[in-house]
Amino acid sequence: MRPLAVAALATALLTAAIPAGNATAATAAAPGPAVSKVADTQLDPKAIYFESYNGLVNNNAFQKNGLLTYKGYQYAVWYTADRTAVIGRRALGRADWQTVRLAHQLTADDSHNVISMGISRVDGRLHLTMDSHSSGFFYVKSVAGLLDDPAGHAWNSAQFGTVQTTLDGLALTSQFTYPQFVATPEGRLQLSYRVGVSGNGRNALAEYDGTKWTALGEWSASTGTYTSEHGSSTARNMYLHGIDYGSDGRLHAFYTWREQNNAVMCDAGGLTNHDTGYVYSTDRGRTWRNAAGTVVGTTGGADKVTVNDTGTVVDPLGPDHSLMNQESQATDSAGRPHAVISYVPGRFGQCTTDYVTDRTAGGRAFHLFKDAAGAWKKTEIPEALNSSQRTHLAFDKYDNAYAVMPYGRIVAASSASGYTDWKTLFDGSGLNAFGEVVVDDTRLAQDGVLSFMYQRKSSGTTPSALRVIDFRLPG
């Protein structure tokens, strides 16, 4: 996501510098993707470690945000070995991290219970939600202006308020999961979350305007009937790949559906996830449209986005291929939506019977995007997953695409090729990373550095090192 003013200025300067008819030459002259490692710093020598749902609580790729950058400082959140929630910060370019321990300890050995951060630019506060999986949640926010003047504020617990179980008195739900913060173009802060449980839940939004939180309401529904060649299901939940504003102010959301009834699958060892859907909003998440522009749902209204809405599926796939939920999405400088999805292609079999084993053996990631003509394009990324886990998508200033795969591998494709020339730029050697990593989506636009947090492999519940690695991209 790029700030509107920066994107507009960049576009204006580029247009002024290129004579009419020379846009193709300018595109050809842009550098292709490349990475150069510049730093690898340690956050915690002994962060909490336990495997749950095939992931780690400190390193789930769907965290938004576990790592973020604002006004020259980078911030990270995690649970340390004694289960305490910690916030770290550093000035960009520095190796040393300052830490603050919050008055909260992780309540369950559940990798869903991540910590997510968001920034309300309207008042310079840092917001956190933590430790929830179809349960209550914990929330804390900083003093106003902390992030606007980081050098002028001490980094200690006095900068943060008490840990709450509401959003400043706003009780959302007793079944809260998957918090994702996103800043609006005006600087307000929105919080996306799931109400309900896996296989029977709804997506909802809340918004902070600098003075108070407001519940905007639910916008997806669990109702309707989905029928596969094997059977039917009448309940489900939408799993978001993300929720992001593009340079044109549109709010984009890719997703998959997970059915409640295993009868839709060829084998109960797979995943009931099916289809990649896409909707967008032009009014800050109040109404939702399919790719053709038709309104298909209203936040807080009677008409929600459902599995039966026409025009919402942009890549159809049945539930027999262990399609991963909550993979990744991003927008390029023109505001076009992109996603990474992954599943076991049909050439490796038409029925997955153990999604972890089958995805590890035959899983592949695919890049899906809407081109300038409005057509959806899809390309297989040639690097095998060798993992059951997720890949994260990001873009450099030239719109080259970078897929950060499990174990910290970086695979990239150029905008000039139409994203068809995927190649491995970094194979993860030496990281000893467990699997998924947490990418700093906010830093790339600020200083051209791809930064991600990873945790070293361990076993059982033996704590291990949590680190952040930085790569310089073409500038």
Protein backbone atom coordinates (compact mmCIF):
# COMPACT_ATOMS: atom_id res chain seq x y z
CA MET A 1 0.00 0.00 0.00
CA ARG A 2 1.45 3.38 -1.04
CA PRO A 3 0.42 6.78 0.32
CA LEU A 4 -1.83 8.57 -2.17
CA ALA A 5 0.23 11.74 -2.29
CA VAL A 6 3.46 9.88 -2.95
CA ALA A 7 1.89 7.74 -5.66
CA ALA A 8 0.31 10.76 -7.35
CA LEU A 9 3.58 12.72 -7.28
CA ALA A 10 5.52 9.77 -8.68
CA THR A 11 2.99 9.37 -11.49
CA ALA A 12 3.10 13.08 -12.31
CA LEU A 13 6.89 13.19 -12.42
CA LEU A 14 7.05 10.06 -14.57
CA THR A 15 4.47 11.41 -17.00
CA ALA A 16 6.28 14.73 -17.30
CA ALA A 17 9.60 13.06 -17.98
CA ILE A 18 8.39 10.69 -20.71
CA PRO A 19 7.57 12.08 -24.15
CA ALA A 20 4.27 10.94 -25.61
CA GLY A 21 4.52 7.47 -27.11
CA ASN A 22 7.56 6.48 -25.07
CA ALA A 23 5.77 4.72 -22.18
CA THR A 24 6.89 1.31 -23.48
CA ALA A 25 10.51 2.42 -23.56
CA ALA A 26 10.24 3.69 -20.00
CA THR A 27 8.83 0.37 -18.84
CA ALA A 28 11.61 -1.52 -20.61
CA ALA A 29 14.21 0.69 -18.93
CA ALA A 30 12.94 -0.02 -15.43
CA PRO A 31 15.15 -2.46 -13.52
CA GLY A 32 13.97 -5.97 -12.89
CA PRO A 33 13.68 -7.52 -9.44
CA ALA A 34 16.79 -7.98 -7.32
CA VAL A 35 17.67 -8.35 -3.65
CA SER A 36 20.79 -7.49 -1.69
CA LYS A 37 21.00 -8.48 1.97
CA VAL A 38 21.92 -5.53 4.19
CA ALA A 39 21.21 -6.68 7.76
CA ASP A 40 20.00 -9.53 9.96
CA THR A 41 19.22 -8.44 13.53
CA GLN A 42 18.00 -10.29 16.61
CA LEU A 43 14.78 -9.37 18.37
CA ASP A 44 14.83 -12.06 21.02
CA PRO A 45 17.29 -14.93 21.59
CA LYS A 46 14.56 -17.01 23.24
CA ALA A 47 11.10 -16.30 21.86
CA ILE A 48 8.24 -18.63 22.71
CA TYR A 49 8.12 -21.72 20.48
CA PHE A 50 5.39 -24.30 20.01
CA GLU A 51 3.87 -25.72 16.86
CA SER A 52 0.11 -25.34 16.50
CA TYR A 53 -2.05 -25.63 13.37
CA ASN A 54 1.27 -26.10 11.53
CA GLY A 55 2.45 -22.62 12.54
CA LEU A 56 4.10 -20.50 15.22
CA VAL A 57 2.30 -17.78 17.17
CA ASN A 58 5.09 -15.26 16.42
CA ASN A 59 5.29 -16.00 12.71
CA ASN A 60 1.98 -16.28 10.92
CA ALA A 61 2.11 -14.74 7.46
CA PHE A 62 -1.46 -13.44 7.82
CA GLN A 63 -0.49 -11.09 10.68
CA LYS A 64 -1.31 -7.50 9.80
CA ASN A 65 0.90 -6.21 11.09
CA GLY A 66 3.49 -8.08 13.14
CA LEU A 67 6.19 -5.81 11.72
CA LEU A 68 5.70 -2.25 10.45
CA THR A 69 7.55 0.99 9.71
CA TYR A 70 6.51 4.60 10.25
CA LYS A 71 8.42 7.90 10.20
CA GLY A 72 11.90 6.40 10.31
CA TYR A 73 11.27 3.72 12.94
CA GLN A 74 10.40 0.04 12.63
CA TYR A 75 8.17 -1.74 15.17
CA ALA A 76 7.84 -5.45 15.96
CA VAL A 77 5.61 -7.48 18.29
CA TRP A 78 6.02 -10.96 19.73
CA TYR A 79 5.70 -13.21 22.78
CA THR A 80 8.89 -13.98 24.64
CA ALA A 81 9.78 -17.26 26.38
CA ASP A 82 7.82 -16.39 29.53
CA ARG A 83 4.74 -15.69 27.33
CA THR A 84 4.87 -11.91 27.82
CA ALA A 85 3.71 -9.67 24.95
CA VAL A 86 6.57 -7.42 23.83
CA ILE A 87 6.80 -4.40 21.52
CA GLY A 88 10.17 -3.54 20.00
CA ARG A 89 11.33 -0.53 18.00
CA ARG A 90 14.47 0.61 16.24
CA ALA A 91 15.51 3.55 14.11
CA LEU A 92 15.91 2.42 10.50
CA GLY A 93 19.48 1.40 9.80
CA ARG A 94 20.17 0.52 13.44
CA ALA A 95 20.79 -3.02 14.68
CA ASP A 96 19.73 -2.45 18.27
CA TRP A 97 16.09 -2.85 19.29
CA GLN A 98 14.44 -1.21 22.29
CA THR A 99 11.73 -3.30 23.95
CA VAL A 100 8.68 -2.75 26.12
CA ARG A 101 7.03 -5.61 28.00
CA LEU A 102 3.25 -5.26 28.23
CA ALA A 103 1.11 -6.38 31.16
CA HIS A 104 -0.22 -9.40 29.28
CA GLN A 105 0.83 -13.03 28.89
CA LEU A 106 -0.27 -15.42 26.15
CA THR A 107 -3.20 -17.46 27.45
CA ALA A 108 -3.10 -20.50 25.14
CA ASP A 109 -0.67 -22.55 23.07
CA ASP A 110 -2.51 -21.59 19.89
CA SER A 111 -0.75 -20.12 16.85
CA HIS A 112 -3.90 -18.16 15.93
CA ASN A 113 -3.37 -15.92 18.97
CA VAL A 114 -1.06 -13.50 17.16
CA ILE A 115 -0.33 -9.87 17.98
CA SER A 116 -1.34 -7.34 15.30
CA MET A 117 -0.40 -3.66 15.10
CA GLY A 118 -1.99 -0.66 13.44
CA ILE A 119 -1.28 3.08 13.27
CA SER A 120 -3.89 5.82 13.46
CA ARG A 121 -2.17 8.64 11.61
CA VAL A 122 -4.82 11.11 12.74
CA ASP A 123 -3.37 11.07 16.26
CA GLY A 124 -0.05 9.22 15.97
CA ARG A 125 -1.04 6.27 18.13
CA LEU A 126 0.08 2.65 17.92
CA HIS A 127 -2.75 0.11 18.46
CA LEU A 128 -2.43 -3.62 19.24
CA THR A 129 -4.83 -6.52 19.45
CA MET A 130 -3.59 -9.86 20.74
CA ASP A 131 -4.25 -13.34 22.01
CA SER A 132 -7.59 -14.42 20.53
CA HIS A 133 -9.05 -17.37 18.65
CA SER A 134 -12.85 -17.49 18.54
CA SER A 135 -12.73 -15.87 21.96
CA GLY A 136 -12.43 -12.50 23.62
CA PHE A 137 -9.49 -10.29 22.68
CA PHE A 138 -6.96 -8.00 24.36
CA TYR A 139 -6.33 -4.44 23.17
CA VAL A 140 -3.86 -1.72 24.04
CA LYS A 141 -3.00 1.64 22.50
CA SER A 142 -0.19 4.11 22.96
CA VAL A 143 -0.32 7.74 23.98
CA ALA A 144 -1.14 10.20 21.20
CA GLY A 145 1.83 11.37 19.15
CA LEU A 146 4.14 8.52 20.14
CA LEU A 147 4.76 7.52 16.54
CA ASP A 148 4.88 11.07 15.20
CA ASP A 149 7.88 11.92 17.41
CA PRO A 150 9.53 8.63 18.37
CA ALA A 151 12.89 10.18 19.22
CA GLY A 152 11.15 12.56 21.59
CA HIS A 153 9.42 9.82 23.56
CA ALA A 154 11.02 7.36 25.94
CA TRP A 155 10.30 3.75 25.03
CA ASN A 156 8.71 2.37 28.18
CA SER A 157 5.44 0.98 29.49
CA ALA A 158 4.28 4.47 30.49
CA GLN A 159 3.71 5.19 26.80
CA PHE A 160 0.97 2.54 26.67
CA GLY A 161 -2.38 2.40 28.39
CA THR A 162 -3.84 -0.50 30.30
CA VAL A 163 -4.64 -3.74 28.51
CA GLN A 164 -8.36 -3.83 27.74
CA THR A 165 -10.86 -6.48 26.66
CA THR A 166 -12.82 -3.95 24.57
CA LEU A 167 -11.91 -1.20 22.12
CA ASP A 168 -12.10 1.67 24.60
CA GLY A 169 -15.45 0.35 25.81
CA LEU A 170 -16.70 -0.97 22.46
CA ALA A 171 -17.38 -4.70 22.86
CA LEU A 172 -17.25 -6.35 19.45
CA THR A 173 -17.85 -10.09 19.91
CA SER A 174 -17.02 -12.96 22.23
CA GLN A 175 -15.79 -14.94 19.18
CA PHE A 176 -13.00 -12.74 17.79
CA THR A 177 -10.28 -14.01 15.41
CA TYR A 178 -7.87 -12.79 12.70
CA PRO A 179 -7.45 -9.08 13.47
CA GLN A 180 -6.07 -7.05 10.59
CA PHE A 181 -5.49 -3.29 10.88
CA VAL A 182 -5.60 -1.09 7.79
CA ALA A 183 -5.21 2.70 7.60
CA THR A 184 -7.64 4.66 5.45
CA PRO A 185 -6.29 7.26 3.01
CA GLU A 186 -7.46 9.96 5.46
CA GLY A 187 -5.45 8.44 8.31
CA ARG A 188 -8.25 6.75 10.21
CA LEU A 189 -7.65 3.18 11.38
CA GLN A 190 -9.89 0.25 10.51
CA LEU A 191 -9.91 -3.17 12.13
CA SER A 192 -11.03 -6.24 10.20
CA TYR A 193 -11.92 -9.37 12.18
CA ARG A 194 -13.94 -12.57 12.06
CA VAL A 195 -17.04 -13.14 14.17
CA GLY A 196 -17.84 -16.80 14.83
CA VAL A 197 -15.82 -19.94 14.20
CA SER A 198 -14.09 -21.77 11.37
CA GLY A 199 -16.72 -23.02 8.95
CA ASN A 200 -19.42 -20.74 10.35
CA GLY A 201 -18.29 -17.12 10.66
CA ARG A 202 -18.65 -13.61 9.27
CA ASN A 203 -16.21 -10.79 8.53
CA ALA A 204 -16.73 -7.44 10.22
CA LEU A 205 -15.16 -3.96 10.42
CA ALA A 206 -14.62 -1.36 13.14
CA GLU A 207 -13.17 2.13 12.65
CA TYR A 208 -11.19 4.56 14.82
CA ASP A 209 -11.40 8.27 13.94
CA GLY A 210 -8.92 9.66 16.44
CA THR A 211 -11.42 10.01 19.26
CA LYS A 212 -13.45 6.80 19.41
CA TRP A 213 -14.02 3.35 17.91
CA THR A 214 -17.23 2.62 15.98
CA ALA A 215 -18.50 -0.80 14.92
CA LEU A 216 -19.32 -0.63 11.21
CA GLY A 217 -20.79 -4.13 11.25
CA GLU A 218 -20.54 -7.44 9.46
CA TRP A 219 -20.16 -7.60 5.69
CA SER A 220 -19.90 -11.29 4.78
CA ALA A 221 -22.47 -13.98 5.53
CA SER A 222 -22.18 -17.66 6.43
CA THR A 223 -25.51 -18.54 4.82
CA GLY A 224 -26.35 -20.10 1.46
CA THR A 225 -25.76 -23.50 -0.08
CA TYR A 226 -22.56 -24.66 -1.74
CA THR A 227 -22.61 -27.94 -3.66
CA SER A 228 -19.61 -29.85 -4.98
CA GLU A 229 -19.55 -33.12 -6.89
CA HIS A 230 -19.44 -34.91 -3.51
CA GLY A 231 -22.07 -33.15 -1.42
CA SER A 232 -23.45 -29.90 -0.06
CA SER A 233 -22.83 -27.49 2.80
CA THR A 234 -25.10 -24.79 4.22
CA ALA A 235 -22.61 -22.93 6.45
CA ARG A 236 -19.11 -21.50 5.95
CA ASN A 237 -16.81 -18.58 6.59
CA MET A 238 -14.91 -16.22 4.32
CA TYR A 239 -11.13 -16.27 4.89
CA LEU A 240 -9.50 -13.02 3.80
CA HIS A 241 -6.14 -12.96 2.02
CA GLY A 242 -5.94 -9.39 3.25
CA ILE A 243 -7.66 -6.03 3.18
CA ASP A 244 -5.71 -3.18 1.55
CA TYR A 245 -6.21 0.27 0.08
CA GLY A 246 -4.79 0.90 -3.37
CA SER A 247 -3.37 4.14 -4.72
CA ASP A 248 -6.82 5.09 -6.04
CA GLY A 249 -8.46 4.73 -2.63
CA ARG A 250 -10.19 1.45 -3.37
CA LEU A 251 -10.29 -1.13 -0.59
CA HIS A 252 -9.49 -4.59 -1.98
CA ALA A 253 -10.22 -8.02 -0.52
CA PHE A 254 -9.33 -11.44 -1.96
CA TYR A 255 -10.68 -14.46 -0.10
CA THR A 256 -11.51 -18.15 -0.07
CA TRP A 257 -14.55 -19.90 1.40
CA ARG A 258 -14.28 -22.70 3.97
CA GLU A 259 -17.30 -24.98 4.17
CA GLN A 260 -18.50 -26.39 7.47
CA ASN A 261 -19.59 -29.76 6.07
CA ASN A 262 -16.78 -32.16 5.14
CA ALA A 263 -19.20 -33.86 2.75
CA VAL A 264 -18.08 -31.43 0.03
CA MET A 265 -14.62 -33.08 -0.04
CA CYS A 266 -13.39 -36.28 -1.60
CA ASP A 267 -11.57 -37.10 1.66
CA ALA A 268 -11.85 -35.73 5.20
CA GLY A 269 -8.07 -35.28 5.41
CA GLY A 270 -8.12 -32.37 2.99
CA LEU A 271 -9.41 -28.80 3.36
CA THR A 272 -12.94 -27.63 2.55
CA ASN A 273 -11.55 -24.38 1.16
CA HIS A 274 -12.68 -23.58 -2.39
CA ASP A 275 -12.51 -20.80 -4.99
CA THR A 276 -10.67 -17.50 -4.91
CA GLY A 277 -13.09 -14.61 -4.61
CA TYR A 278 -12.57 -10.86 -4.94
CA VAL A 279 -14.56 -7.79 -3.95
CA TYR A 280 -13.69 -4.13 -3.54
CA SER A 281 -15.10 -1.03 -1.89
CA THR A 282 -15.03 2.58 -3.06
CA ASP A 283 -16.56 4.01 0.12
CA ARG A 284 -14.13 2.89 2.84
CA GLY A 285 -15.70 -0.53 3.34
CA ARG A 286 -19.34 0.51 3.60
CA THR A 287 -20.44 -1.30 0.43
CA TRP A 288 -18.74 -4.07 -1.55
CA ARG A 289 -18.65 -4.67 -5.30
CA ASN A 290 -17.64 -7.57 -7.51
CA ALA A 291 -14.95 -7.11 -10.16
CA ALA A 292 -17.56 -5.85 -12.65
CA GLY A 293 -18.62 -3.09 -10.25
CA THR A 294 -21.95 -4.52 -9.10
CA VAL A 295 -22.77 -4.01 -5.41
CA VAL A 296 -22.91 -7.43 -3.72
CA GLY A 297 -22.89 -6.50 -0.04
CA THR A 298 -23.38 -3.71 2.50
CA THR A 299 -21.46 -3.55 5.77
CA GLY A 300 -23.91 -3.61 8.65
CA GLY A 301 -26.82 -4.06 6.27
CA ALA A 302 -29.14 -6.90 5.39
CA ASP A 303 -27.37 -7.80 2.15
CA LYS A 304 -23.97 -9.35 2.86
CA VAL A 305 -21.39 -10.89 0.53
CA THR A 306 -22.31 -14.58 0.20
CA VAL A 307 -21.00 -17.71 -1.47
CA ASN A 308 -23.82 -17.47 -4.00
CA ASP A 309 -23.15 -13.90 -5.20
CA THR A 310 -22.49 -13.82 -8.94
CA GLY A 311 -19.29 -12.37 -10.36
CA THR A 312 -17.25 -12.73 -7.18
CA VAL A 313 -15.20 -15.85 -8.05
CA VAL A 314 -12.10 -14.86 -10.01
CA ASP A 315 -10.33 -18.23 -9.89
CA PRO A 316 -12.59 -21.26 -9.50
CA LEU A 317 -11.27 -24.33 -7.68
CA GLY A 318 -13.07 -27.18 -5.97
CA PRO A 319 -12.37 -28.34 -2.39
CA ASP A 320 -10.24 -31.37 -3.34
CA HIS A 321 -6.91 -29.57 -3.79
CA SER A 322 -6.17 -28.22 -0.29
CA LEU A 323 -6.39 -24.56 -1.30
CA MET A 324 -4.79 -22.48 1.46
CA ASN A 325 -6.78 -19.82 3.27
CA GLN A 326 -5.45 -16.35 4.23
CA GLU A 327 -2.57 -16.41 1.79
CA SER A 328 -1.61 -12.93 0.56
CA GLN A 329 -2.59 -9.92 -1.51
CA ALA A 330 -1.17 -6.54 -2.50
CA THR A 331 -1.79 -3.67 -4.92
CA ASP A 332 0.67 -2.21 -7.41
CA SER A 333 1.37 1.50 -7.98
CA ALA A 334 -1.58 1.76 -10.38
CA GLY A 335 -3.93 0.31 -7.77
CA ARG A 336 -4.35 -3.03 -9.55
CA PRO A 337 -5.11 -5.97 -7.23
CA HIS A 338 -2.76 -8.98 -7.00
CA ALA A 339 -2.88 -12.15 -4.92
CA VAL A 340 -0.84 -15.26 -4.24
CA ILE A 341 -2.82 -18.46 -3.80
CA SER A 342 -1.54 -22.02 -3.31
CA TYR A 343 -2.89 -25.53 -3.68
CA VAL A 344 -2.05 -28.98 -5.04
CA PRO A 345 -2.51 -28.86 -8.85
CA GLY A 346 -4.42 -31.61 -10.58
CA ARG A 347 -1.28 -33.05 -12.15
CA PHE A 348 -0.36 -34.30 -8.66
CA GLY A 349 -3.76 -35.85 -8.10
CA GLN A 350 -7.43 -34.91 -7.98
CA CYS A 351 -7.97 -35.71 -4.30
CA THR A 352 -5.79 -34.59 -1.38
CA THR A 353 -6.12 -36.94 1.59
CA ASP A 354 -3.74 -35.23 4.04
CA TYR A 355 -3.39 -31.52 3.39
CA VAL A 356 -0.06 -31.12 5.22
CA THR A 357 1.60 -34.07 3.51
CA ASP A 358 0.06 -33.39 0.11
CA ARG A 359 0.77 -29.65 0.09
CA THR A 360 4.36 -30.32 1.16
CA ALA A 361 4.84 -32.91 -1.58
CA GLY A 362 2.96 -31.26 -4.44
CA GLY A 363 1.80 -27.80 -3.44
CA ARG A 364 2.45 -24.86 -5.74
CA ALA A 365 1.90 -21.13 -5.41
CA PHE A 366 0.23 -19.07 -8.13
CA HIS A 367 0.25 -15.34 -8.86
CA LEU A 368 -3.19 -13.97 -9.75
CA PHE A 369 -3.81 -10.38 -10.84
CA LYS A 370 -6.11 -8.09 -12.77
CA ASP A 371 -4.30 -6.49 -15.71
CA ALA A 372 -4.76 -3.01 -17.17
CA ALA A 373 -7.41 -4.33 -19.57
CA GLY A 374 -9.43 -5.77 -16.70
CA ALA A 375 -8.63 -9.43 -17.43
CA TRP A 376 -7.56 -11.84 -14.68
CA LYS A 377 -4.18 -13.48 -15.30
CA LYS A 378 -2.65 -16.40 -13.42
CA THR A 379 0.89 -17.78 -13.46
CA GLU A 380 2.35 -20.70 -11.54
CA ILE A 381 5.42 -19.79 -9.49
CA PRO A 382 7.98 -22.49 -10.40
CA GLU A 383 9.54 -22.83 -6.93
CA ALA A 384 7.89 -25.77 -5.14
CA LEU A 385 6.33 -25.00 -1.76
CA ASN A 386 8.00 -27.89 0.07
CA SER A 387 5.76 -26.81 2.91
CA SER A 388 2.13 -26.75 3.94
CA GLN A 389 2.40 -23.05 4.72
CA ARG A 390 1.82 -19.61 3.22
CA THR A 391 3.62 -17.22 0.86
CA HIS A 392 3.56 -13.40 1.15
CA LEU A 393 3.39 -10.97 -1.79
CA ALA A 394 5.04 -7.53 -2.03
CA PHE A 395 6.04 -4.99 -4.71
CA ASP A 396 9.02 -2.69 -5.25
CA LYS A 397 8.77 0.86 -6.64
CA TYR A 398 8.92 -0.48 -10.21
CA ASP A 399 6.02 -2.87 -9.60
CA ASN A 400 8.21 -5.94 -9.71
CA ALA A 401 6.58 -8.68 -7.61
CA TYR A 402 8.30 -10.51 -4.75
CA ALA A 403 6.86 -13.71 -3.27
CA VAL A 404 8.39 -14.45 0.14
CA MET A 405 7.88 -18.18 0.50
CA PRO A 406 8.15 -20.51 3.50
CA TYR A 407 11.65 -20.72 5.00
CA GLY A 408 12.36 -17.14 3.87
CA ARG A 409 12.89 -17.90 0.20
CA ILE A 410 12.40 -14.89 -2.11
CA VAL A 411 11.06 -15.50 -5.62
CA ALA A 412 10.35 -12.58 -7.94
CA ALA A 413 8.96 -11.60 -11.35
CA SER A 414 9.26 -8.41 -13.35
CA SER A 415 6.43 -6.09 -14.24
CA ALA A 416 7.91 -5.78 -17.74
CA SER A 417 7.33 -9.49 -18.40
CA GLY A 418 3.73 -9.37 -17.25
CA TYR A 419 4.84 -11.41 -14.22
CA THR A 420 5.79 -14.48 -16.23
CA ASP A 421 9.55 -14.67 -15.47
CA TRP A 422 9.51 -15.87 -11.86
CA LYS A 423 12.93 -16.80 -10.50
CA THR A 424 14.50 -17.46 -7.10
CA LEU A 425 16.60 -14.56 -5.78
CA PHE A 426 17.28 -15.86 -2.26
CA ASP A 427 16.98 -19.49 -1.21
CA GLY A 428 16.82 -18.94 2.55
CA SER A 429 20.26 -20.42 3.13
CA GLY A 430 21.55 -19.93 6.64
CA LEU A 431 18.29 -18.70 8.16
CA ASN A 432 17.11 -22.03 9.55
CA ALA A 433 13.63 -20.48 9.47
CA PHE A 434 10.72 -22.57 10.74
CA GLY A 435 8.31 -21.83 7.89
CA GLU A 436 6.12 -18.77 7.42
CA VAL A 437 7.63 -15.32 7.85
CA VAL A 438 6.09 -11.93 8.69
CA VAL A 439 6.77 -9.29 6.03
CA ASP A 440 6.86 -5.54 6.74
CA ASP A 441 4.47 -4.31 4.03
CA THR A 442 4.84 -0.69 5.11
CA ARG A 443 8.62 -0.38 4.83
CA LEU A 444 9.10 -1.04 1.12
CA ALA A 445 7.45 2.21 0.05
CA GLN A 446 9.45 4.22 2.58
CA ASP A 447 13.05 3.17 1.99
CA GLY A 448 13.04 0.39 -0.62
CA VAL A 449 13.90 -2.37 1.86
CA LEU A 450 12.16 -5.73 2.02
CA SER A 451 12.17 -6.66 5.69
CA PHE A 452 10.76 -9.78 7.31
CA MET A 453 10.66 -11.43 10.72
CA TYR A 454 11.48 -15.12 11.04
CA GLN A 455 11.96 -17.60 13.86
CA ARG A 456 14.57 -20.31 13.87
CA LYS A 457 13.52 -23.94 13.95
CA SER A 458 13.34 -25.64 17.31
CA SER A 459 11.54 -28.65 18.75
CA GLY A 460 8.85 -29.19 21.31
CA THR A 461 8.55 -26.05 23.43
CA THR A 462 12.22 -25.06 23.45
CA PRO A 463 12.44 -21.28 22.81
CA SER A 464 14.37 -20.10 19.75
CA ALA A 465 15.77 -16.92 18.24
CA LEU A 466 13.42 -14.42 16.61
CA ARG A 467 15.11 -12.22 14.01
CA VAL A 468 14.49 -9.57 11.33
CA ILE A 469 16.33 -9.69 8.00
CA ASP A 470 16.52 -6.78 5.53
CA PHE A 471 17.09 -6.79 1.76
CA ARG A 472 17.70 -3.75 -0.43
CA LEU A 473 15.54 -3.75 -3.57
CA PRO A 474 16.06 -1.74 -6.78
CA GLY A 475 15.83 1.97 -6.06
